[in-house]
Amino acid sequence: MDELLNTVEANKLFEAIADIAFIAGQKGFASGDSREDIAEFIRWAHEFETVHEDTNWDEIDYVTAMEAFTLNKLRIDLQ
């Protein structure tokens, strides 16, 4: 059972990383160091998953939450 939970948790993290990267790409974000950008997206995904650990996604729209989170991070990072 622990193996299944680890897989579910990993998939949630992978989805968050992909969503963050997609939104950042749509907004034209690039620092010039793609390896650092990816590392930053991974950190953001971990943060998103931690913040939303107990979020009921049947009550809160995931895409809206992810977009708000990522756009906030991009604004902070672009300043």
Foldseek 3Di string as FASTA:
>chain_A
DVVVVVVVVVVQLVVLLVLLVVLCVVVVDDPPDVVVVSVVSSVLSVVLCVVCVPPDCVVPPPNVSSNVSSVVVVVVVVD
